[in-house]
Amino acid sequence: MQQFMDTRKSFLARLTTLLFFGVLLVYVLIVAKQILYPIILAILFSYFIFPLVDFLATRLKFPRILAILVSFLLFAIVLFTVGNLVVVQIKTFMVDIPALKEQAISNIASFQYFITDKSGVGVDEQNLWFREKVQSLFESSKTVSNVFLKATWIVEVLILIPIFSFFMLSYHERGKNFILMLVKSRNGELTEKLLQQVSKVTIKYVSGVITVVAILAISHAVAFSIIGVKYAIVIAILTASISIIPYFGTMVSVFLPLLFASATQDNPYVLLFIILYFWAIIIIDHNILTPTIVGGNVSLNPFITILGIIIAGTIWQIAGMIVIVPTLAVVKIICDNVEKLKPWGYLLGVDTHTLKFNKFKHLIKLKKKGKQTSLNV
């Protein structure tokens, strides 16, 4: 009986400690998010550009600083090219604003009459309600100041990310040696193994996400052009960018082309085709693209991942939803390599052979092996 009581007290003590540090961690993340935001995003950007830096430095023998600068320059050229396409379409959009405005007013009027016909609420009542909502939104000085502060803060983050990334890439080896010096010789081998695995998984994850976004952007641009959505390239890039948020991004992104098309198109079939296209692309993305290009690199439990995205979004909004998956992948790697934490690693993970695409790849390998065997015979 005494042993049972001691075990219970020990369990409650560990649970209390865990909950305390959990609450403390969430509090620190909320309070310090303005400092941590650019640092975490800079780390992800560093991992994204690191393979190019490493290639220039090791294969082409560039000095490391020069390799980093060249990598940044190439990234800026790509960004400028994409931005130039967007600017060209925005200029066309600015020219077409009067016609689009008339079309939007006509579509809104048709929608209002539809609401009146179905619900009995008059157009004047709808206009009054909408006017009151807009007026209350802009009359709130707090709302206006919050929007201004948010915009200022976003600009600051965008400026800090490349600066932080430059120094992280410059002092990559020093940071690694610092961690190894902290653990000393006792856990040096394990720590070095963890650092290698974390680096490998993070690079693959970030590269995989960018690859998926690029594929979706091209697919959206082609599909929107065929369907007849105006300014297809701009809408495609913006829509695909939302897909950087795992699981939810592709599903939420459908509302952007739908809202734009409903306001600027006079053909209702365009909306139907957009819905059908996204129904297909969500199935393809969730079952083929993301599991193949991204999912195989992290092997995380989908339920834990979705739960983590929801919690991270509550704490850190969009940035939290972006960084939570690589963070969970890092936690899983640590748990898988530390004996006492292996149960947590098992909980976070998933059997890779349960993925459908992995089964498909396994069948292909078996067929190839069978063909080779028959040829040898």
Protein backbone atom coordinates (compact mmCIF):
# COMPACT_ATOMS: atom_id res chain seq x y z
CA MET A 1 0.00 0.00 0.00
CA GLN A 2 2.80 2.36 0.92
CA GLN A 3 4.58 1.58 -2.35
CA PHE A 4 1.38 2.35 -4.27
CA MET A 5 1.04 5.69 -2.48
CA ASP A 6 4.67 6.57 -3.19
CA THR A 7 4.23 5.68 -6.88
CA ARG A 8 1.07 7.80 -7.05
CA LYS A 9 2.80 10.77 -5.42
CA SER A 10 5.73 10.43 -7.81
CA PHE A 11 3.37 10.33 -10.81
CA LEU A 12 1.43 13.37 -9.57
CA ALA A 13 4.70 15.24 -8.96
CA ARG A 14 5.91 14.52 -12.51
CA LEU A 15 2.52 15.46 -13.96
CA THR A 16 2.43 18.72 -11.97
CA THR A 17 5.96 19.59 -13.11
CA LEU A 18 5.07 18.79 -16.72
CA LEU A 19 1.92 20.93 -16.61
CA PHE A 20 3.81 23.77 -14.93
CA PHE A 21 6.52 23.84 -17.59
CA GLY A 22 3.87 23.46 -20.30
CA VAL A 23 1.96 26.51 -19.05
CA LEU A 24 5.22 28.43 -18.60
CA LEU A 25 6.31 27.55 -22.16
CA VAL A 26 3.00 28.75 -23.64
CA TYR A 27 3.23 31.97 -21.61
CA VAL A 28 6.79 32.65 -22.81
CA LEU A 29 5.81 31.90 -26.43
CA ILE A 30 2.92 34.39 -26.23
CA VAL A 31 4.87 37.16 -24.46
CA ALA A 32 8.06 36.80 -26.51
CA LYS A 33 6.46 36.07 -29.90
CA GLN A 34 7.52 39.39 -31.42
CA ILE A 35 11.15 38.46 -30.74
CA LEU A 36 10.82 34.76 -31.57
CA TYR A 37 8.80 35.22 -34.79
CA PRO A 38 11.66 36.52 -36.98
CA ILE A 39 14.17 34.14 -35.38
CA ILE A 40 12.11 31.00 -36.04
CA LEU A 41 11.19 32.10 -39.58
CA ALA A 42 14.84 33.00 -40.23
CA ILE A 43 15.87 29.49 -39.14
CA LEU A 44 13.41 27.96 -41.64
CA PHE A 45 14.64 30.27 -44.40
CA SER A 46 18.25 29.38 -43.53
CA TYR A 47 17.47 25.68 -43.87
CA PHE A 48 15.76 26.35 -47.20
CA ILE A 49 18.75 28.18 -48.69
CA PHE A 50 21.43 26.10 -46.92
CA PRO A 51 21.74 23.38 -49.65
CA LEU A 52 22.62 26.03 -52.24
CA VAL A 53 25.12 27.70 -49.87
CA ASP A 54 26.68 24.33 -49.06
CA PHE A 55 26.91 23.43 -52.77
CA LEU A 56 28.67 26.71 -53.63
CA ALA A 57 31.00 26.49 -50.63
CA THR A 58 31.98 22.80 -50.82
CA ARG A 59 31.63 21.85 -54.50
CA LEU A 60 32.53 25.13 -56.22
CA LYS A 61 34.94 26.22 -53.45
CA PHE A 62 33.35 29.65 -52.95
CA PRO A 63 34.32 31.48 -49.74
CA ARG A 64 31.43 30.96 -47.33
CA ILE A 65 30.43 34.63 -47.16
CA LEU A 66 30.46 34.86 -50.97
CA ALA A 67 28.42 31.62 -51.21
CA ILE A 68 25.80 33.09 -48.88
CA LEU A 69 25.66 36.38 -50.78
CA VAL A 70 25.37 34.60 -54.15
CA SER A 71 22.59 32.38 -52.76
CA PHE A 72 20.72 35.43 -51.47
CA LEU A 73 21.20 37.12 -54.87
CA LEU A 74 19.81 34.10 -56.76
CA PHE A 75 16.85 33.94 -54.40
CA ALA A 76 16.26 37.67 -54.90
CA ILE A 77 16.35 37.20 -58.70
CA VAL A 78 13.71 34.46 -58.49
CA LEU A 79 11.63 36.61 -56.16
CA PHE A 80 12.01 39.60 -58.48
CA THR A 81 10.94 37.53 -61.50
CA VAL A 82 7.81 36.28 -59.75
CA GLY A 83 7.15 39.76 -58.37
CA ASN A 84 7.48 41.24 -61.84
CA LEU A 85 4.79 38.87 -63.15
CA VAL A 86 2.56 39.93 -60.29
CA VAL A 87 3.24 43.64 -60.90
CA VAL A 88 2.39 43.30 -64.62
CA GLN A 89 -0.96 41.75 -63.75
CA ILE A 90 -1.59 44.33 -61.03
CA LYS A 91 -1.03 47.12 -63.59
CA THR A 92 -3.59 45.46 -65.87
CA PHE A 93 -5.89 45.15 -62.88
CA MET A 94 -5.55 48.88 -62.15
CA VAL A 95 -6.53 49.72 -65.73
CA ASP A 96 -9.56 47.43 -65.54
CA ILE A 97 -10.78 48.69 -62.16
CA PRO A 98 -13.74 50.74 -63.55
CA ALA A 99 -15.10 47.76 -65.51
CA LEU A 100 -14.45 45.38 -62.60
CA LYS A 101 -16.18 47.80 -60.23
CA GLU A 102 -19.30 47.83 -62.40
CA GLN A 103 -19.25 44.05 -62.63
CA ALA A 104 -18.80 43.72 -58.86
CA ILE A 105 -21.70 46.11 -58.19
CA SER A 106 -23.89 44.13 -60.60
CA ASN A 107 -22.94 40.82 -58.96
CA ILE A 108 -23.54 42.20 -55.45
CA ALA A 109 -26.95 43.52 -56.53
CA SER A 110 -27.87 40.11 -57.98
CA PHE A 111 -26.73 38.43 -54.76
CA GLN A 112 -28.78 40.86 -52.66
CA TYR A 113 -31.90 40.21 -54.72
CA PHE A 114 -31.28 36.49 -54.30
CA ILE A 115 -31.12 36.94 -50.48
CA THR A 116 -34.31 39.03 -50.60
CA ASP A 117 -36.06 36.36 -52.61
CA LYS A 118 -35.02 33.55 -50.26
CA SER A 119 -35.14 35.26 -46.85
CA GLY A 120 -37.42 38.26 -47.31
CA VAL A 121 -34.77 40.73 -46.05
CA GLY A 122 -34.94 43.84 -48.23
CA VAL A 123 -31.99 45.34 -50.12
CA ASP A 124 -32.19 48.55 -48.06
CA GLU A 125 -32.00 46.57 -44.82
CA GLN A 126 -28.98 44.64 -46.11
CA ASN A 127 -27.22 47.89 -47.16
CA LEU A 128 -27.96 49.46 -43.77
CA TRP A 129 -26.60 46.43 -41.91
CA PHE A 130 -23.46 46.33 -44.07
CA ARG A 131 -22.92 50.10 -43.72
CA GLU A 132 -23.21 49.89 -39.93
CA LYS A 133 -20.69 47.04 -39.76
CA VAL A 134 -18.15 48.86 -41.95
CA GLN A 135 -18.64 52.12 -40.08
CA SER A 136 -18.20 50.48 -36.68
CA LEU A 137 -15.06 48.76 -37.97
CA PHE A 138 -13.39 51.97 -39.14
CA GLU A 139 -14.66 54.12 -36.26
CA SER A 140 -12.81 51.97 -33.79
CA SER A 141 -9.49 53.72 -33.26
CA LYS A 142 -8.20 50.58 -31.62
CA THR A 143 -8.85 48.56 -34.78
CA VAL A 144 -7.13 51.12 -37.01
CA SER A 145 -4.12 51.37 -34.70
CA ASN A 146 -3.90 47.56 -34.48
CA VAL A 147 -3.88 47.27 -38.27
CA PHE A 148 -1.15 49.92 -38.49
CA LEU A 149 0.94 48.22 -35.79
CA LYS A 150 0.50 44.82 -37.47
CA ALA A 151 1.59 46.21 -40.84
CA THR A 152 4.64 47.91 -39.27
CA TRP A 153 5.57 44.74 -37.42
CA ILE A 154 5.27 42.59 -40.58
CA VAL A 155 7.65 44.96 -42.40
CA GLU A 156 10.11 44.71 -39.49
CA VAL A 157 9.93 40.90 -39.57
CA LEU A 158 10.52 40.81 -43.34
CA ILE A 159 13.59 43.00 -42.89
CA LEU A 160 14.96 40.97 -39.96
CA ILE A 161 14.54 37.52 -41.54
CA PRO A 162 17.30 37.89 -44.21
CA ILE A 163 19.60 39.62 -41.68
CA PHE A 164 19.19 36.84 -39.11
CA SER A 165 19.48 34.17 -41.82
CA PHE A 166 22.76 35.67 -43.08
CA PHE A 167 24.35 35.45 -39.62
CA MET A 168 22.92 31.97 -38.97
CA LEU A 169 24.44 30.69 -42.20
CA SER A 170 27.72 32.49 -41.54
CA TYR A 171 28.12 31.03 -38.05
CA HIS A 172 26.57 27.64 -38.75
CA GLU A 173 29.68 25.63 -37.79
CA ARG A 174 30.38 27.78 -34.72
CA GLY A 175 26.83 27.22 -33.46
CA LYS A 176 27.18 23.47 -33.97
CA ASN A 177 30.52 23.40 -32.14
CA PHE A 178 29.02 25.48 -29.31
CA ILE A 179 26.29 22.86 -28.75
CA LEU A 180 28.85 20.03 -28.86
CA MET A 181 31.05 21.86 -26.35
CA LEU A 182 28.10 22.25 -23.99
CA VAL A 183 27.35 18.53 -23.88
CA LYS A 184 31.10 17.72 -23.76
CA SER A 185 32.32 14.21 -24.53
CA ARG A 186 29.65 12.30 -22.59
CA ASN A 187 26.81 12.86 -25.07
CA GLY A 188 28.85 14.26 -27.95
CA GLU A 189 28.19 11.37 -30.33
CA LEU A 190 24.44 11.36 -29.67
CA THR A 191 24.23 15.14 -29.96
CA GLU A 192 26.09 15.15 -33.27
CA LYS A 193 23.75 12.44 -34.58
CA LEU A 194 20.71 14.47 -33.47
CA LEU A 195 22.05 17.63 -35.10
CA GLN A 196 22.62 15.79 -38.39
CA GLN A 197 19.14 14.26 -38.35
CA VAL A 198 17.45 17.54 -37.40
CA SER A 199 19.31 19.40 -40.14
CA LYS A 200 18.50 16.74 -42.74
CA VAL A 201 14.80 16.51 -41.88
CA THR A 202 14.31 20.29 -41.65
CA ILE A 203 16.03 20.91 -45.00
CA LYS A 204 13.93 18.22 -46.67
CA TYR A 205 10.73 19.48 -45.05
CA VAL A 206 11.23 23.14 -46.00
CA SER A 207 12.33 22.22 -49.53
CA GLY A 208 9.35 19.87 -49.82
CA VAL A 209 6.86 22.51 -48.75
CA ILE A 210 8.29 25.06 -51.20
CA THR A 211 8.15 22.40 -53.95
CA VAL A 212 4.49 21.66 -53.20
CA VAL A 213 3.65 25.39 -53.21
CA ALA A 214 5.46 25.84 -56.56
CA ILE A 215 3.60 22.86 -58.09
CA LEU A 216 0.27 24.19 -56.82
CA ALA A 217 1.03 27.71 -58.13
CA ILE A 218 1.70 26.36 -61.62
CA SER A 219 -1.34 24.07 -61.46
CA HIS A 220 -3.58 26.92 -60.23
CA ALA A 221 -2.31 29.30 -62.92
CA VAL A 222 -3.00 26.79 -65.70
CA ALA A 223 -6.40 25.79 -64.29
CA PHE A 224 -7.54 29.38 -63.65
CA SER A 225 -6.49 30.38 -67.17
CA ILE A 226 -8.48 27.49 -68.68
CA ILE A 227 -11.52 28.17 -66.46
CA GLY A 228 -11.40 31.86 -67.36
CA VAL A 229 -10.53 33.48 -64.02
CA LYS A 230 -9.17 36.97 -64.58
CA TYR A 231 -5.58 37.75 -63.46
CA ALA A 232 -4.93 34.02 -63.16
CA ILE A 233 -1.20 34.33 -62.29
CA VAL A 234 -1.66 36.72 -59.36
CA ILE A 235 -4.59 34.76 -57.94
CA ALA A 236 -2.69 31.48 -58.44
CA ILE A 237 0.43 32.71 -56.60
CA LEU A 238 -1.59 34.16 -53.71
CA THR A 239 -3.74 31.02 -53.49
CA ALA A 240 -0.74 28.66 -53.58
CA SER A 241 1.07 30.74 -50.93
CA ILE A 242 -1.71 29.95 -48.45
CA SER A 243 -0.95 26.25 -48.96
CA ILE A 244 2.28 26.71 -46.99
CA ILE A 245 0.04 26.01 -43.97
CA PRO A 246 -0.12 22.19 -43.73
CA TYR A 247 -3.47 20.43 -44.16
CA PHE A 248 -5.64 23.55 -43.79
CA GLY A 249 -3.91 25.81 -46.32
CA THR A 250 -5.19 24.15 -49.50
CA MET A 251 -8.72 23.87 -48.12
CA VAL A 252 -8.88 27.51 -47.01
CA SER A 253 -7.21 28.85 -50.16
CA VAL A 254 -10.28 28.01 -52.27
CA PHE A 255 -12.11 31.03 -50.82
CA LEU A 256 -9.71 33.54 -52.41
CA PRO A 257 -10.41 32.66 -56.09
CA LEU A 258 -14.08 32.08 -55.24
CA LEU A 259 -14.51 35.54 -53.70
CA PHE A 260 -12.57 37.23 -56.49
CA ALA A 261 -14.45 35.39 -59.25
CA SER A 262 -17.84 35.98 -57.63
CA ALA A 263 -17.14 39.73 -57.57
CA THR A 264 -15.58 40.12 -61.03
CA GLN A 265 -17.07 37.37 -63.23
CA ASP A 266 -20.53 37.33 -64.77
CA ASN A 267 -20.47 33.60 -65.53
CA PRO A 268 -21.75 31.45 -62.61
CA TYR A 269 -20.19 28.34 -64.15
CA VAL A 270 -16.74 29.77 -63.35
CA LEU A 271 -17.50 29.36 -59.63
CA LEU A 272 -18.67 25.80 -60.21
CA PHE A 273 -15.51 24.92 -62.13
CA ILE A 274 -13.33 26.49 -59.38
CA ILE A 275 -15.09 24.34 -56.75
CA LEU A 276 -14.69 21.19 -58.84
CA TYR A 277 -11.02 21.97 -59.52
CA PHE A 278 -10.25 22.51 -55.83
CA TRP A 279 -12.15 19.38 -54.88
CA ALA A 280 -9.77 17.46 -57.16
CA ILE A 281 -6.61 19.36 -56.16
CA ILE A 282 -7.30 18.91 -52.41
CA ILE A 283 -7.57 15.14 -52.93
CA ILE A 284 -4.36 15.10 -54.99
CA ASP A 285 -2.49 17.36 -52.55
CA HIS A 286 -3.53 15.53 -49.38
CA ASN A 287 -3.09 12.00 -50.78
CA ILE A 288 -0.18 12.31 -53.23
CA LEU A 289 1.74 15.61 -53.21
CA THR A 290 2.11 16.38 -49.50
CA PRO A 291 2.48 12.76 -48.27
CA THR A 292 5.06 12.01 -50.99
CA ILE A 293 7.11 15.22 -51.05
CA VAL A 294 6.69 16.37 -47.44
CA GLY A 295 5.14 13.64 -45.32
CA GLY A 296 7.83 11.04 -45.96
CA ASN A 297 10.43 13.40 -44.52
CA VAL A 298 8.74 13.87 -41.13
CA SER A 299 6.57 10.71 -40.63
CA LEU A 300 4.35 12.45 -38.06
CA ASN A 301 1.04 11.21 -36.74
CA PRO A 302 -1.64 13.12 -38.74
CA PHE A 303 -3.89 13.54 -35.67
CA ILE A 304 -1.04 14.95 -33.54
CA THR A 305 0.00 17.18 -36.46
CA ILE A 306 -3.50 18.63 -36.97
CA LEU A 307 -3.91 19.13 -33.21
CA GLY A 308 -0.51 20.84 -33.09
CA ILE A 309 -1.44 23.13 -36.00
CA ILE A 310 -4.65 24.20 -34.22
CA ILE A 311 -2.86 24.88 -30.93
CA ALA A 312 0.07 26.66 -32.62
CA GLY A 313 -2.38 28.77 -34.65
CA THR A 314 -4.12 29.79 -31.43
CA ILE A 315 -0.82 30.87 -29.86
CA TRP A 316 1.17 32.21 -32.83
CA GLN A 317 -1.47 32.61 -35.57
CA ILE A 318 -0.24 31.91 -39.13
CA ALA A 319 3.48 31.75 -38.22
CA GLY A 320 2.70 29.13 -35.60
CA MET A 321 0.83 27.00 -38.12
CA ILE A 322 3.83 27.18 -40.45
CA VAL A 323 6.58 26.30 -37.94
CA ILE A 324 4.77 23.68 -35.85
CA VAL A 325 5.31 20.73 -38.23
CA PRO A 326 9.14 21.02 -38.43
CA THR A 327 9.14 21.68 -34.67
CA LEU A 328 7.21 18.48 -34.00
CA ALA A 329 9.56 16.65 -36.38
CA VAL A 330 12.56 17.87 -34.35
CA VAL A 331 10.87 16.82 -31.09
CA LYS A 332 10.17 13.38 -32.57
CA ILE A 333 13.82 12.95 -33.62
CA ILE A 334 14.97 13.79 -30.09
CA CYS A 335 12.41 11.43 -28.54
CA ASP A 336 13.35 8.60 -30.92
CA ASN A 337 17.03 8.83 -29.90
CA VAL A 338 16.64 9.26 -26.12
CA GLU A 339 15.72 6.01 -24.38
CA LYS A 340 13.37 7.51 -21.78
CA LEU A 341 11.52 9.57 -24.38
CA LYS A 342 10.98 6.80 -26.96
CA PRO A 343 7.29 6.28 -25.98
CA TRP A 344 6.64 9.94 -26.87
CA GLY A 345 8.46 9.47 -30.17
CA TYR A 346 6.23 6.46 -30.88
CA LEU A 347 3.14 8.56 -30.10
CA LEU A 348 4.27 11.38 -32.40
CA GLY A 349 5.17 9.04 -35.26
CA VAL A 350 3.37 6.83 -37.72
CA ASP A 351 4.35 3.60 -39.43
CA THR A 352 5.65 4.67 -42.84
CA HIS A 353 4.42 1.46 -44.48
CA THR A 354 0.83 2.49 -43.70
CA LEU A 355 1.04 5.36 -46.19
CA LYS A 356 -0.68 4.40 -49.42
CA PHE A 357 1.95 5.91 -51.65
CA ASN A 358 4.70 4.08 -49.81
CA LYS A 359 2.81 0.86 -50.45
CA PHE A 360 2.60 1.79 -54.10
CA LYS A 361 6.34 2.49 -54.25
CA HIS A 362 7.00 -0.82 -52.48
CA LEU A 363 4.98 -2.70 -55.12
CA ILE A 364 6.94 -0.96 -57.88
CA LYS A 365 10.23 -2.00 -56.26
CA LEU A 366 8.99 -5.60 -55.97
CA LYS A 367 7.98 -5.64 -59.66
CA LYS A 368 11.37 -4.23 -60.71
CA LYS A 369 13.12 -6.80 -58.54
CA GLY A 370 11.02 -9.58 -60.10
CA LYS A 371 11.88 -8.39 -63.61
CA GLN A 372 15.60 -8.26 -62.78
CA THR A 373 15.42 -11.78 -61.31
CA SER A 374 13.68 -13.14 -64.42
CA LEU A 375 16.30 -11.48 -66.64
CA ASN A 376 19.11 -12.99 -64.61
CA VAL A 377 17.52 -16.41 -64.91
